C-alpha atoms as a PDB file:
ATOM      1  CA  MET A   1      26.816  -6.074 -20.655  1.00  0.00           C
ATOM      2  CA  ALA A   2      28.953  -6.224 -23.798  1.00  0.00           C
ATOM      3  CA  THR A   3      31.508  -8.403 -21.981  1.00  0.00           C
ATOM      4  CA  GLU A   4      28.810 -10.952 -21.044  1.00  0.00           C
ATOM      5  CA  PRO A   5      29.750 -11.303 -17.357  1.00  0.00           C
ATOM      6  CA  ASP A   6      28.807 -14.386 -15.330  1.00  0.00           C
ATOM      7  CA  LEU A   7      27.971 -12.221 -12.291  1.00  0.00           C
ATOM      8  CA  LEU A   8      26.322  -8.807 -12.100  1.00  0.00           C
ATOM      9  CA  ILE A   9      26.076  -6.788  -8.873  1.00  0.00           C
ATOM     10  CA  LEU A  10      23.204  -4.291  -8.799  1.00  0.00           C
ATOM     11  CA  ASP A  11      22.889  -1.900  -5.854  1.00  0.00           C
ATOM     12  CA  GLU A  12      19.432  -0.272  -5.694  1.00  0.00           C
ATOM     13  CA  PRO A  13      19.010  -0.357  -9.510  1.00  0.00           C
ATOM     14  CA  THR A  14      15.382   0.814  -9.392  1.00  0.00           C
ATOM     15  CA  ARG A  15      15.643   3.515  -6.732  1.00  0.00           C
ATOM     16  CA  GLY A  16      14.197   6.850  -7.772  1.00  0.00           C
ATOM     17  CA  ILE A  17      12.892   5.825 -11.187  1.00  0.00           C
ATOM     18  CA  ASP A  18       9.353   5.693 -12.547  1.00  0.00           C
ATOM     19  CA  VAL A  19       7.163   2.595 -12.400  1.00  0.00           C
ATOM     20  CA  GLY A  20       7.576   1.743 -16.095  1.00  0.00           C
ATOM     21  CA  ALA A  21      11.373   1.889 -15.983  1.00  0.00           C
ATOM     22  CA  LYS A  22      11.359  -0.148 -12.760  1.00  0.00           C
ATOM     23  CA  ALA A  23       9.276  -2.893 -14.387  1.00  0.00           C
ATOM     24  CA  GLU A  24      11.611  -2.958 -17.393  1.00  0.00           C
ATOM     25  CA  ILE A  25      14.726  -3.289 -15.215  1.00  0.00           C
ATOM     26  CA  GLN A  26      13.110  -6.104 -13.235  1.00  0.00           C
ATOM     27  CA  ARG A  27      12.103  -7.862 -16.472  1.00  0.00           C
ATOM     28  CA  LEU A  28      15.667  -7.576 -17.806  1.00  0.00           C
ATOM     29  CA  MET A  29      17.113  -8.916 -14.543  1.00  0.00           C
ATOM     30  CA  LEU A  30      14.844 -11.973 -14.623  1.00  0.00           C
ATOM     31  CA  GLU A  31      15.634 -12.553 -18.311  1.00  0.00           C
ATOM     32  CA  MET A  32      19.390 -12.416 -17.634  1.00  0.00           C
ATOM     33  CA  CYS A  33      18.987 -14.960 -14.825  1.00  0.00           C
ATOM     34  CA  GLU A  34      16.999 -17.268 -17.076  1.00  0.00           C
ATOM     35  CA  ASN A  35      19.915 -17.058 -19.543  1.00  0.00           C
ATOM     36  CA  GLY A  36      22.388 -18.222 -16.879  1.00  0.00           C
ATOM     37  CA  MET A  37      23.699 -14.983 -15.371  1.00  0.00           C
ATOM     38  CA  SER A  38      23.989 -14.715 -11.596  1.00  0.00           C
ATOM     39  CA  ILE A  39      22.857 -11.420 -10.084  1.00  0.00           C
ATOM     40  CA  ILE A  40      23.507 -10.050  -6.630  1.00  0.00           C
ATOM     41  CA  PHE A  41      20.615  -7.656  -6.187  1.00  0.00           C
ATOM     42  CA  ILE A  42      20.763  -5.183  -3.300  1.00  0.00           C
ATOM     43  CA  SER A  43      17.524  -3.384  -2.493  1.00  0.00           C
ATOM     44  CA  SER A  44      15.682  -1.870   0.425  1.00  0.00           C
ATOM     45  CA  GLU A  45      12.292  -2.559  -1.206  1.00  0.00           C
ATOM     46  CA  LEU A  46      11.104  -5.853   0.251  1.00  0.00           C
ATOM     47  CA  ASP A  47       8.352  -6.470  -2.311  1.00  0.00           C
ATOM     48  CA  GLU A  48      10.892  -6.042  -5.104  1.00  0.00           C
ATOM     49  CA  ILE A  49      13.328  -8.441  -3.425  1.00  0.00           C
ATOM     50  CA  ILE A  50      10.642 -11.108  -3.057  1.00  0.00           C
ATOM     51  CA  ARG A  51       9.430 -10.662  -6.636  1.00  0.00           C
ATOM     52  CA  CYS A  52      12.907 -10.796  -8.220  1.00  0.00           C
ATOM     53  CA  SER A  53      14.839 -13.287  -6.060  1.00  0.00           C
ATOM     54  CA  ASN A  54      15.101 -17.044  -5.705  1.00  0.00           C
ATOM     55  CA  ARG A  55      17.407 -16.769  -2.689  1.00  0.00           C
ATOM     56  CA  ILE A  56      17.467 -13.915  -0.174  1.00  0.00           C
ATOM     57  CA  ILE A  57      20.322 -13.166   2.215  1.00  0.00           C
ATOM     58  CA  VAL A  58      19.376 -10.798   5.038  1.00  0.00           C
ATOM     59  CA  MET A  59      22.203  -8.654   6.420  1.00  0.00           C
ATOM     60  CA  ARG A  60      22.151  -7.000   9.847  1.00  0.00           C
ATOM     61  CA  ASP A  61      25.001  -5.003  11.382  1.00  0.00           C
ATOM     62  CA  GLY A  62      27.291  -5.988   8.494  1.00  0.00           C
ATOM     63  CA  LYS A  63      26.778  -9.719   9.071  1.00  0.00           C
ATOM     64  CA  LYS A  64      24.569 -12.387   7.561  1.00  0.00           C
ATOM     65  CA  ALA A  65      21.426 -12.596   9.695  1.00  0.00           C
ATOM     66  CA  GLY A  66      19.883 -15.404   7.698  1.00  0.00           C
ATOM     67  CA  GLU A  67      18.956 -16.876   4.370  1.00  0.00           C
ATOM     68  CA  LEU A  68      15.567 -17.520   2.792  1.00  0.00           C
ATOM     69  CA  ASN A  69      14.871 -19.714  -0.233  1.00  0.00           C
ATOM     70  CA  GLY A  70      11.836 -20.100  -2.393  1.00  0.00           C
ATOM     71  CA  GLU A  71       9.059 -18.072  -3.897  1.00  0.00           C
ATOM     72  CA  ASN A  72       6.772 -18.320  -0.852  1.00  0.00           C
ATOM     73  CA  CYS A  73       8.845 -16.063   1.411  1.00  0.00           C
ATOM     74  CA  THR A  74       7.014 -13.064   2.799  1.00  0.00           C
ATOM     75  CA  GLN A  75       7.924  -9.593   3.955  1.00  0.00           C
ATOM     76  CA  ALA A  76       7.173 -10.831   7.481  1.00  0.00           C
ATOM     77  CA  ASP A  77       9.875 -13.536   7.131  1.00  0.00           C
ATOM     78  CA  ILE A  78      12.416 -10.920   6.071  1.00  0.00           C
ATOM     79  CA  MET A  79      11.383  -8.496   8.811  1.00  0.00           C
ATOM     80  CA  ARG A  80      11.777 -11.209  11.469  1.00  0.00           C
ATOM     81  CA  MET A  81      15.357 -11.780  10.331  1.00  0.00           C
ATOM     82  CA  ILE A  82      16.068  -8.060  10.274  1.00  0.00           C
ATOM     83  CA  ALA A  83      14.761  -7.908  13.855  1.00  0.00           C
ATOM     84  CA  GLY A  84      16.958 -10.841  14.872  1.00  0.00           C
ATOM     85  CA  GLU A  85      14.215 -13.470  15.100  1.00  0.00           C
ATOM     86  CA  LYS A  86      14.316 -16.785  13.280  1.00  0.00           C
ATOM     87  CA  ALA A  87      12.030 -16.712  10.258  1.00  0.00           C
ATOM     88  CA  GLY A  88       9.803 -19.582   9.232  1.00  0.00           C
ATOM     89  CA  GLU A  89      10.907 -21.914   6.481  1.00  0.00           C
ATOM     90  CA  CYS A  90      10.062 -20.803   2.950  1.00  0.00           C
ATOM     91  CA  ALA A  91       9.382 -23.452   0.351  1.00  0.00           C
END
């Protein structure tokens, strides 16, 4: 963080840690985004993805299965894309 990067890639940054540390990492991620940093956030926890993302790219078999935008996306939307179905529009 000392180099102040424009882009940060985080792969499962909250996996295997306690609830308090997880909340702190999520708070820091959102704060960095508010300050102009872009973050690619990779996670298998759907609720965490929805809570911390403004755009979600769903990958399946190494390829982009779809993209969701907005705060109103649901786990069901993501699961439909994972299953290969077209998800509803998120606003």
